[in-house]
PDB file of all heavy atoms in Angstrom:
ATOM      1  N   ARG A   1     140.317  98.901 131.966  1.00  0.00           N
ATOM      2  CA  ARG A   1     140.559  97.839 132.975  1.00  0.00           C
ATOM      3  C   ARG A   1     140.871  98.526 134.239  1.00  0.00           C
ATOM      4  O   ARG A   1     140.332  98.099 135.290  1.00  0.00           O
ATOM      5  CB  ARG A   1     141.724  96.967 132.532  1.00  0.00           C
ATOM      6  CG  ARG A   1     142.023  95.843 133.467  1.00  0.00           C
ATOM      7  CD  ARG A   1     143.406  95.296 133.480  1.00  0.00           C
ATOM      8  NE  ARG A   1     144.363  96.287 133.824  1.00  0.00           N
ATOM      9  CZ  ARG A   1     144.702  96.657 135.026  1.00  0.00           C
ATOM     10  NH1 ARG A   1     143.985  96.085 136.061  1.00  0.00           N
ATOM     11  NH2 ARG A   1     145.524  97.561 135.258  1.00  0.00           N
ATOM     12  N   TRP A   2     141.737  99.513 134.273  1.00  0.00           N
ATOM     13  CA  TRP A   2     142.002 100.240 135.491  1.00  0.00           C
ATOM     14  C   TRP A   2     140.803 100.812 136.140  1.00  0.00           C
ATOM     15  O   TRP A   2     140.601 100.746 137.400  1.00  0.00           O
ATOM     16  CB  TRP A   2     143.051 101.358 135.231  1.00  0.00           C
ATOM     17  CG  TRP A   2     143.446 102.196 136.383  1.00  0.00           C
ATOM     18  CD1 TRP A   2     144.319 101.970 137.295  1.00  0.00           C
ATOM     19  CD2 TRP A   2     142.728 103.387 136.821  1.00  0.00           C
ATOM     20  NE1 TRP A   2     144.314 102.941 138.306  1.00  0.00           N
ATOM     21  CE2 TRP A   2     143.341 103.860 138.026  1.00  0.00           C
ATOM     22  CE3 TRP A   2     141.715 104.158 136.315  1.00  0.00           C
ATOM     23  CZ2 TRP A   2     142.988 104.976 138.658  1.00  0.00           C
ATOM     24  CZ3 TRP A   2     141.320 105.288 136.897  1.00  0.00           C
ATOM     25  CH2 TRP A   2     141.947 105.728 138.101  1.00  0.00           C
ATOM     26  N   ALA A   3     139.951 101.380 135.387  1.00  0.00           N
ATOM     27  CA  ALA A   3     138.699 102.045 135.927  1.00  0.00           C
ATOM     28  C   ALA A   3     137.791 100.979 136.547  1.00  0.00           C
ATOM     29  O   ALA A   3     137.199 101.219 137.561  1.00  0.00           O
ATOM     30  CB  ALA A   3     137.932 102.776 134.826  1.00  0.00           C
ATOM     31  N   ARG A   4     137.776  99.781 135.988  1.00  0.00           N
ATOM     32  CA  ARG A   4     136.902  98.706 136.501  1.00  0.00           C
ATOM     33  C   ARG A   4     137.453  98.176 137.830  1.00  0.00           C
ATOM     34  O   ARG A   4     136.724  97.777 138.732  1.00  0.00           O
ATOM     35  CB  ARG A   4     136.784  97.551 135.521  1.00  0.00           C
ATOM     36  CG  ARG A   4     135.976  97.811 134.336  1.00  0.00           C
ATOM     37  CD  ARG A   4     135.686  96.535 133.582  1.00  0.00           C
ATOM     38  NE  ARG A   4     136.865  95.831 133.137  1.00  0.00           N
ATOM     39  CZ  ARG A   4     137.544  95.988 132.041  1.00  0.00           C
ATOM     40  NH1 ARG A   4     137.122  96.891 131.188  1.00  0.00           N
ATOM     41  NH2 ARG A   4     138.623  95.283 131.763  1.00  0.00           N
ATOM     42  N   GLU A   5     138.799  98.210 137.980  1.00  0.00           N
ATOM     43  CA  GLU A   5     139.461  97.528 139.065  1.00  0.00           C
ATOM     44  C   GLU A   5     139.904  98.472 140.211  1.00  0.00           C
ATOM     45  O   GLU A   5     140.332  98.017 141.279  1.00  0.00           O
ATOM     46  CB  GLU A   5     140.655  96.754 138.588  1.00  0.00           C
ATOM     47  CG  GLU A   5     140.237  95.662 137.601  1.00  0.00           C
ATOM     48  CD  GLU A   5     141.447  94.806 137.110  1.00  0.00           C
ATOM     49  OE1 GLU A   5     142.597  95.155 137.509  1.00  0.00           O
ATOM     50  OE2 GLU A   5     141.238  93.933 136.275  1.00  0.00           O
ATOM     51  N   ASN A   6     139.779  99.791 139.948  1.00  0.00           N
ATOM     52  CA  ASN A   6     140.233 100.768 140.991  1.00  0.00           C
ATOM     53  C   ASN A   6     139.207 100.785 142.127  1.00  0.00           C
ATOM     54  O   ASN A   6     138.035 101.256 141.912  1.00  0.00           O
ATOM     55  CB  ASN A   6     140.500 102.114 140.420  1.00  0.00           C
ATOM     56  CG  ASN A   6     141.074 103.042 141.436  1.00  0.00           C
ATOM     57  OD1 ASN A   6     140.313 103.716 142.163  1.00  0.00           O
ATOM     58  ND2 ASN A   6     142.403 103.138 141.550  1.00  0.00           N
ATOM     59  N   ASP A   7     139.555 100.411 143.300  1.00  0.00           N
ATOM     60  CA  ASP A   7     138.588 100.340 144.427  1.00  0.00           C
ATOM     61  C   ASP A   7     138.000 101.720 144.874  1.00  0.00           C
ATOM     62  O   ASP A   7     136.857 101.826 145.120  1.00  0.00           O
ATOM     63  CB  ASP A   7     139.315  99.715 145.638  1.00  0.00           C
ATOM     64  CG  ASP A   7     139.568  98.234 145.458  1.00  0.00           C
ATOM     65  OD1 ASP A   7     138.837  97.582 144.515  1.00  0.00           O
ATOM     66  OD2 ASP A   7     140.408  97.669 146.116  1.00  0.00           O
ATOM     67  N   LEU A   8     138.851 102.742 144.815  1.00  0.00           N
ATOM     68  CA  LEU A   8     138.429 104.083 145.261  1.00  0.00           C
ATOM     69  C   LEU A   8     137.463 104.676 144.247  1.00  0.00           C
ATOM     70  O   LEU A   8     136.458 105.304 144.599  1.00  0.00           O
ATOM     71  CB  LEU A   8     139.590 104.925 145.515  1.00  0.00           C
ATOM     72  CG  LEU A   8     140.536 104.536 146.631  1.00  0.00           C
ATOM     73  CD1 LEU A   8     141.861 105.376 146.617  1.00  0.00           C
ATOM     74  CD2 LEU A   8     139.826 104.754 147.931  1.00  0.00           C
ATOM     75  N   LEU A   9     137.749 104.491 142.917  1.00  0.00           N
ATOM     76  CA  LEU A   9     136.867 104.964 141.894  1.00  0.00           C
ATOM     77  C   LEU A   9     135.506 104.212 141.950  1.00  0.00           C
ATOM     78  O   LEU A   9     134.484 104.887 141.908  1.00  0.00           O
ATOM     79  CB  LEU A   9     137.503 104.817 140.538  1.00  0.00           C
ATOM     80  CG  LEU A   9     136.732 105.151 139.282  1.00  0.00           C
ATOM     81  CD1 LEU A   9     136.305 106.683 139.303  1.00  0.00           C
ATOM     82  CD2 LEU A   9     137.491 104.851 138.018  1.00  0.00           C
ATOM     83  N   GLN A  10     135.649 102.908 142.095  1.00  0.00           N
ATOM     84  CA  GLN A  10     134.389 102.079 142.193  1.00  0.00           C
ATOM     85  C   GLN A  10     133.588 102.445 143.470  1.00  0.00           C
ATOM     86  O   GLN A  10     132.324 102.475 143.346  1.00  0.00           O
ATOM     87  CB  GLN A  10     134.778 100.645 142.224  1.00  0.00           C
ATOM     88  CG  GLN A  10     135.312 100.083 140.845  1.00  0.00           C
ATOM     89  CD  GLN A  10     134.261 100.093 139.741  1.00  0.00           C
ATOM     90  OE1 GLN A  10     133.086  99.736 140.049  1.00  0.00           O
ATOM     91  NE2 GLN A  10     134.618 100.366 138.544  1.00  0.00           N
ATOM     92  N   ASN A  11     134.278 102.764 144.492  1.00  0.00           N
ATOM     93  CA  ASN A  11     133.587 103.095 145.780  1.00  0.00           C
ATOM     94  C   ASN A  11     132.749 104.369 145.634  1.00  0.00           C
ATOM     95  O   ASN A  11     131.590 104.362 146.080  1.00  0.00           O
ATOM     96  CB  ASN A  11     134.584 103.202 146.890  1.00  0.00           C
ATOM     97  CG  ASN A  11     133.890 103.324 148.255  1.00  0.00           C
ATOM     98  OD1 ASN A  11     132.970 102.614 148.558  1.00  0.00           O
ATOM     99  ND2 ASN A  11     134.347 104.266 149.012  1.00  0.00           N
ATOM    100  N   LYS A  12     133.292 105.421 145.019  1.00  0.00           N
ATOM    101  CA  LYS A  12     132.533 106.630 144.978  1.00  0.00           C
ATOM    102  C   LYS A  12     131.368 106.406 143.995  1.00  0.00           C
ATOM    103  O   LYS A  12     130.282 107.018 144.230  1.00  0.00           O
ATOM    104  CB  LYS A  12     133.380 107.855 144.557  1.00  0.00           C
ATOM    105  CG  LYS A  12     133.971 107.819 143.163  1.00  0.00           C
ATOM    106  CD  LYS A  12     134.752 109.213 142.994  1.00  0.00           C
ATOM    107  CE  LYS A  12     135.652 109.247 141.809  1.00  0.00           C
ATOM    108  NZ  LYS A  12     136.269 110.542 141.641  1.00  0.00           N
ATOM    109  N   ALA A  13     131.566 105.689 142.979  1.00  0.00           N
ATOM    110  CA  ALA A  13     130.431 105.379 142.013  1.00  0.00           C
ATOM    111  C   ALA A  13     129.355 104.586 142.782  1.00  0.00           C
ATOM    112  O   ALA A  13     128.203 104.830 142.550  1.00  0.00           O
ATOM    113  CB  ALA A  13     130.913 104.632 140.844  1.00  0.00           C
ATOM    114  N   ARG A  14     129.767 103.705 143.592  1.00  0.00           N
ATOM    115  CA  ARG A  14     128.867 102.817 144.342  1.00  0.00           C
ATOM    116  C   ARG A  14     128.025 103.632 145.370  1.00  0.00           C
ATOM    117  O   ARG A  14     126.838 103.430 145.484  1.00  0.00           O
ATOM    118  CB  ARG A  14     129.614 101.724 145.060  1.00  0.00           C
ATOM    119  CG  ARG A  14     128.761 100.575 145.600  1.00  0.00           C
ATOM    120  CD  ARG A  14     129.682  99.470 146.135  1.00  0.00           C
ATOM    121  NE  ARG A  14     130.480  98.868 145.091  1.00  0.00           N
ATOM    122  CZ  ARG A  14     131.845  98.959 145.084  1.00  0.00           C
ATOM    123  NH1 ARG A  14     132.489  99.674 145.965  1.00  0.00           N
ATOM    124  NH2 ARG A  14     132.497  98.435 144.045  1.00  0.00           N
ATOM    125  N   ILE A  15     128.660 104.570 145.995  1.00  0.00           N
ATOM    126  CA  ILE A  15     128.031 105.352 147.002  1.00  0.00           C
ATOM    127  C   ILE A  15     126.893 106.240 146.361  1.00  0.00           C
ATOM    128  O   ILE A  15     125.794 106.307 146.805  1.00  0.00           O
ATOM    129  CB  ILE A  15     128.972 106.362 147.724  1.00  0.00           C
ATOM    130  CG1 ILE A  15     129.982 105.586 148.584  1.00  0.00           C
ATOM    131  CG2 ILE A  15     128.243 107.408 148.506  1.00  0.00           C
ATOM    132  CD1 ILE A  15     131.123 106.374 149.157  1.00  0.00           C
ATOM    133  N   ILE A  16     127.230 106.784 145.178  1.00  0.00           N
ATOM    134  CA  ILE A  16     126.304 107.660 144.506  1.00  0.00           C
ATOM    135  C   ILE A  16     125.161 106.811 143.933  1.00  0.00           C
ATOM    136  O   ILE A  16     123.936 107.121 143.985  1.00  0.00           O
ATOM    137  CB  ILE A  16     126.949 108.441 143.386  1.00  0.00           C
ATOM    138  CG1 ILE A  16     127.974 109.436 143.896  1.00  0.00           C
ATOM    139  CG2 ILE A  16     125.918 109.140 142.470  1.00  0.00           C
ATOM    140  CD1 ILE A  16     127.308 110.585 144.767  1.00  0.00           C
ATOM    141  N   ASP A  17     125.478 105.666 143.340  1.00  0.00           N
ATOM    142  CA  ASP A  17     124.493 104.843 142.640  1.00  0.00           C
ATOM    143  C   ASP A  17     123.509 104.227 143.667  1.00  0.00           C
ATOM    144  O   ASP A  17     122.351 104.071 143.360  1.00  0.00           O
ATOM    145  CB  ASP A  17     125.151 103.731 141.856  1.00  0.00           C
ATOM    146  CG  ASP A  17     124.239 103.082 140.859  1.00  0.00           C
ATOM    147  OD1 ASP A  17     123.387 103.795 140.288  1.00  0.00           O
ATOM    148  OD2 ASP A  17     124.355 101.827 140.693  1.00  0.00           O
ATOM    149  N   GLU A  18     124.037 103.951 144.840  1.00  0.00           N
ATOM    150  CA  GLU A  18     123.157 103.380 145.874  1.00  0.00           C
ATOM    151  C   GLU A  18     122.044 104.342 146.224  1.00  0.00           C
ATOM    152  O   GLU A  18     120.859 104.029 146.406  1.00  0.00           O
ATOM    153  CB  GLU A  18     123.898 103.046 147.111  1.00  0.00           C
ATOM    154  CG  GLU A  18     123.147 102.295 148.250  1.00  0.00           C
ATOM    155  CD  GLU A  18     122.701 100.902 147.884  1.00  0.00           C
ATOM    156  OE1 GLU A  18     123.290 100.296 146.856  1.00  0.00           O
ATOM    157  OE2 GLU A  18     121.859 100.375 148.525  1.00  0.00           O
ATOM    158  N   ILE A  19     122.427 105.676 146.322  1.00  0.00           N
ATOM    159  CA  ILE A  19     121.359 106.692 146.592  1.00  0.00           C
ATOM    160  C   ILE A  19     120.470 106.805 145.433  1.00  0.00           C
ATOM    161  O   ILE A  19     119.208 107.007 145.651  1.00  0.00           O
ATOM    162  CB  ILE A  19     122.092 108.043 146.888  1.00  0.00           C
ATOM    163  CG1 ILE A  19     122.953 107.874 148.117  1.00  0.00           C
ATOM    164  CG2 ILE A  19     121.114 109.141 147.064  1.00  0.00           C
ATOM    165  CD1 ILE A  19     123.863 109.104 148.406  1.00  0.00           C
ATOM    166  N   TYR A  20     120.935 106.722 144.191  1.00  0.00           N
ATOM    167  CA  TYR A  20     120.078 106.813 143.042  1.00  0.00           C
ATOM    168  C   TYR A  20     119.047 105.711 143.080  1.00  0.00           C
ATOM    169  O   TYR A  20     117.857 105.873 142.641  1.00  0.00           O
ATOM    170  CB  TYR A  20     120.857 106.668 141.751  1.00  0.00           C
ATOM    171  CG  TYR A  20     121.617 107.919 141.341  1.00  0.00           C
ATOM    172  CD1 TYR A  20     122.803 107.859 140.586  1.00  0.00           C
ATOM    173  CD2 TYR A  20     121.169 109.187 141.779  1.00  0.00           C
ATOM    174  CE1 TYR A  20     123.441 108.999 140.157  1.00  0.00           C
ATOM    175  CE2 TYR A  20     121.868 110.390 141.426  1.00  0.00           C
ATOM    176  CZ  TYR A  20     123.012 110.226 140.618  1.00  0.00           C
ATOM    177  OH  TYR A  20     123.661 111.370 140.176  1.00  0.00           O
ATOM    178  N   LYS A  21     119.395 104.529 143.613  1.00  0.00           N
ATOM    179  CA  LYS A  21     118.569 103.351 143.623  1.00  0.00           C
ATOM    180  C   LYS A  21     117.531 103.375 144.696  1.00  0.00           C
ATOM    181  O   LYS A  21     116.373 102.974 144.525  1.00  0.00           O
ATOM    182  CB  LYS A  21     119.380 102.095 143.683  1.00  0.00           C
ATOM    183  CG  LYS A  21     120.190 101.755 142.458  1.00  0.00           C
ATOM    184  CD  LYS A  21     121.081 100.529 142.632  1.00  0.00           C
ATOM    185  CE  LYS A  21     121.792 100.186 141.286  1.00  0.00           C
ATOM    186  NZ  LYS A  21     122.713  99.023 141.563  1.00  0.00           N
ATOM    187  N   ILE A  22     117.874 103.800 145.935  1.00  0.00           N
ATOM    188  CA  ILE A  22     117.011 103.732 147.065  1.00  0.00           C
ATOM    189  C   ILE A  22     116.775 105.035 147.772  1.00  0.00           C
ATOM    190  O   ILE A  22     116.016 105.037 148.790  1.00  0.00           O
ATOM    191  CB  ILE A  22     117.509 102.618 148.101  1.00  0.00           C
ATOM    192  CG1 ILE A  22     118.813 103.098 148.767  1.00  0.00           C
ATOM    193  CG2 ILE A  22     117.662 101.286 147.438  1.00  0.00           C
ATOM    194  CD1 ILE A  22     119.306 102.193 149.869  1.00  0.00           C
ATOM    195  N   GLY A  23     117.377 106.082 147.405  1.00  0.00           N
ATOM    196  CA  GLY A  23     117.255 107.363 148.063  1.00  0.00           C
ATOM    197  C   GLY A  23     115.947 108.024 147.857  1.00  0.00           C
ATOM    198  O   GLY A  23     115.169 107.740 146.897  1.00  0.00           O
ATOM    199  N   THR A  24     115.619 108.998 148.711  1.00  0.00           N
ATOM    200  CA  THR A  24     114.423 109.870 148.499  1.00  0.00           C
ATOM    201  C   THR A  24     114.697 110.843 147.325  1.00  0.00           C
ATOM    202  O   THR A  24     115.821 110.950 146.820  1.00  0.00           O
ATOM    203  CB  THR A  24     114.119 110.615 149.738  1.00  0.00           C
ATOM    204  OG1 THR A  24     115.174 111.607 150.004  1.00  0.00           O
ATOM    205  CG2 THR A  24     113.952 109.744 150.960  1.00  0.00           C
ATOM    206  N   ALA A  25     113.646 111.571 146.935  1.00  0.00           N
ATOM    207  CA  ALA A  25     113.798 112.527 145.896  1.00  0.00           C
ATOM    208  C   ALA A  25     114.905 113.620 146.248  1.00  0.00           C
ATOM    209  O   ALA A  25     115.744 113.960 145.397  1.00  0.00           O
ATOM    210  CB  ALA A  25     112.505 113.239 145.621  1.00  0.00           C
ATOM    211  N   LEU A  26     114.907 114.098 147.427  1.00  0.00           N
ATOM    212  CA  LEU A  26     115.881 115.045 147.878  1.00  0.00           C
ATOM    213  C   LEU A  26     117.259 114.449 147.940  1.00  0.00           C
ATOM    214  O   LEU A  26     118.236 115.099 147.524  1.00  0.00           O
ATOM    215  CB  LEU A  26     115.483 115.598 149.293  1.00  0.00           C
ATOM    216  CG  LEU A  26     114.434 116.709 149.299  1.00  0.00           C
ATOM    217  CD1 LEU A  26     114.140 117.091 150.721  1.00  0.00           C
ATOM    218  CD2 LEU A  26     114.851 117.937 148.440  1.00  0.00           C
ATOM    219  N   GLU A  27     117.368 113.203 148.435  1.00  0.00           N
ATOM    220  CA  GLU A  27     118.710 112.660 148.544  1.00  0.00           C
ATOM    221  C   GLU A  27     119.293 112.380 147.167  1.00  0.00           C
ATOM    222  O   GLU A  27     120.493 112.546 146.964  1.00  0.00           O
ATOM    223  CB  GLU A  27     118.579 111.268 149.296  1.00  0.00           C
ATOM    224  CG  GLU A  27     118.287 111.478 150.800  1.00  0.00           C
ATOM    225  CD  GLU A  27     117.935 110.173 151.487  1.00  0.00           C
ATOM    226  OE1 GLU A  27     117.648 109.125 150.806  1.00  0.00           O
ATOM    227  OE2 GLU A  27     117.890 110.100 152.725  1.00  0.00           O
TER     228      GLU A  27
END
């Protein structure tokens, strides 16, 4: 539950995942 609700943990996952979804091969 803590992992799901921690904003800072979720934010770094979100930053990385956004690049995985729309980034270039190098990114």
